[in-house]
Amino acid sequence: MQEKFVSESEGGMLVDWNSESIAGAVCTLAQDFDNLDRMKENARNYALVHLQYSNYLGEFKKLIGVANG
């Protein structure tokens, strides 16, 4: 689910789950504040539109196999 949010929002970086990949991403972001600010704004805008509780709950229930009601 996190991969979907990051990909659709362009609000972050997806990296492998190991210390080298994570450290590399942190270093990359620390050196490019314009890109970091853009990603923060993208993530915020995406959350305001797509992650409102009223919109998100139905999708989450579908994902975990719980009927709406």
Protein backbone atom coordinates (compact mmCIF):
# COMPACT_ATOMS: atom_id res chain seq x y z
CA MET A 1 0.00 0.00 0.00
CA GLN A 2 2.83 2.43 0.82
CA GLU A 3 4.34 1.83 -2.60
CA LYS A 4 1.08 2.89 -4.23
CA PHE A 5 0.89 6.10 -2.19
CA VAL A 6 4.47 7.08 -2.87
CA SER A 7 4.27 6.25 -6.58
CA GLU A 8 0.96 7.99 -7.18
CA SER A 9 1.77 11.06 -5.12
CA GLU A 10 5.40 11.44 -6.17
CA GLY A 11 5.78 12.27 -2.50
CA GLY A 12 8.85 10.27 -1.61
CA MET A 13 11.42 7.74 -2.66
CA LEU A 14 10.97 3.99 -2.77
CA VAL A 15 14.10 2.10 -1.75
CA ASP A 16 15.05 -1.43 -0.88
CA TRP A 17 14.71 -2.37 2.79
CA ASN A 18 18.38 -2.35 3.70
CA SER A 19 20.63 0.13 5.43
CA GLU A 20 22.64 1.03 2.33
CA SER A 21 19.58 1.89 0.24
CA ILE A 22 17.94 3.85 3.03
CA ALA A 23 21.15 5.76 3.80
CA GLY A 24 21.61 6.55 0.12
CA ALA A 25 18.09 7.96 -0.14
CA VAL A 26 18.55 10.08 2.99
CA CYS A 27 21.81 11.47 1.62
CA THR A 28 20.21 12.19 -1.74
CA LEU A 29 17.34 14.06 -0.13
CA ALA A 30 19.64 15.95 2.23
CA GLN A 31 21.51 17.33 -0.78
CA ASP A 32 18.46 18.41 -2.78
CA PHE A 33 16.14 20.58 -0.71
CA ASP A 34 14.14 21.72 -3.75
CA ASN A 35 13.27 18.10 -4.56
CA LEU A 36 12.54 17.41 -0.89
CA ASP A 37 10.18 20.38 -0.71
CA ARG A 38 8.45 19.25 -3.92
CA MET A 39 7.96 15.75 -2.54
CA LYS A 40 6.61 17.11 0.76
CA GLU A 41 4.09 19.26 -1.11
CA ASN A 42 3.11 16.37 -3.39
CA ALA A 43 2.59 14.06 -0.41
CA ARG A 44 0.51 16.65 1.42
CA ASN A 45 -1.69 17.36 -1.61
CA TYR A 46 -2.17 13.66 -2.28
CA ALA A 47 -3.16 13.03 1.33
CA LEU A 48 -5.66 15.88 1.34
CA VAL A 49 -7.40 14.46 -1.73
CA HIS A 50 -6.98 10.70 -1.45
CA LEU A 51 -6.51 9.87 2.20
CA GLN A 52 -9.52 11.50 3.76
CA TYR A 53 -10.98 9.01 6.21
CA SER A 54 -14.36 8.99 4.48
CA ASN A 55 -12.74 8.10 1.14
CA TYR A 56 -10.02 5.85 2.45
CA LEU A 57 -12.04 3.56 4.72
CA GLY A 58 -13.91 1.85 1.88
CA GLU A 59 -10.71 1.16 -0.03
CA PHE A 60 -9.01 -0.15 3.10
CA LYS A 61 -11.93 -2.49 3.84
CA LYS A 62 -11.76 -3.85 0.30
CA LEU A 63 -8.04 -4.42 0.67
CA ILE A 64 -8.44 -6.45 3.85
CA GLY A 65 -11.60 -8.24 2.66
CA VAL A 66 -14.13 -6.64 4.99
CA ALA A 67 -17.59 -5.86 3.60
CA ASN A 68 -18.80 -2.27 3.69
CA GLY A 69 -21.75 -1.65 5.87
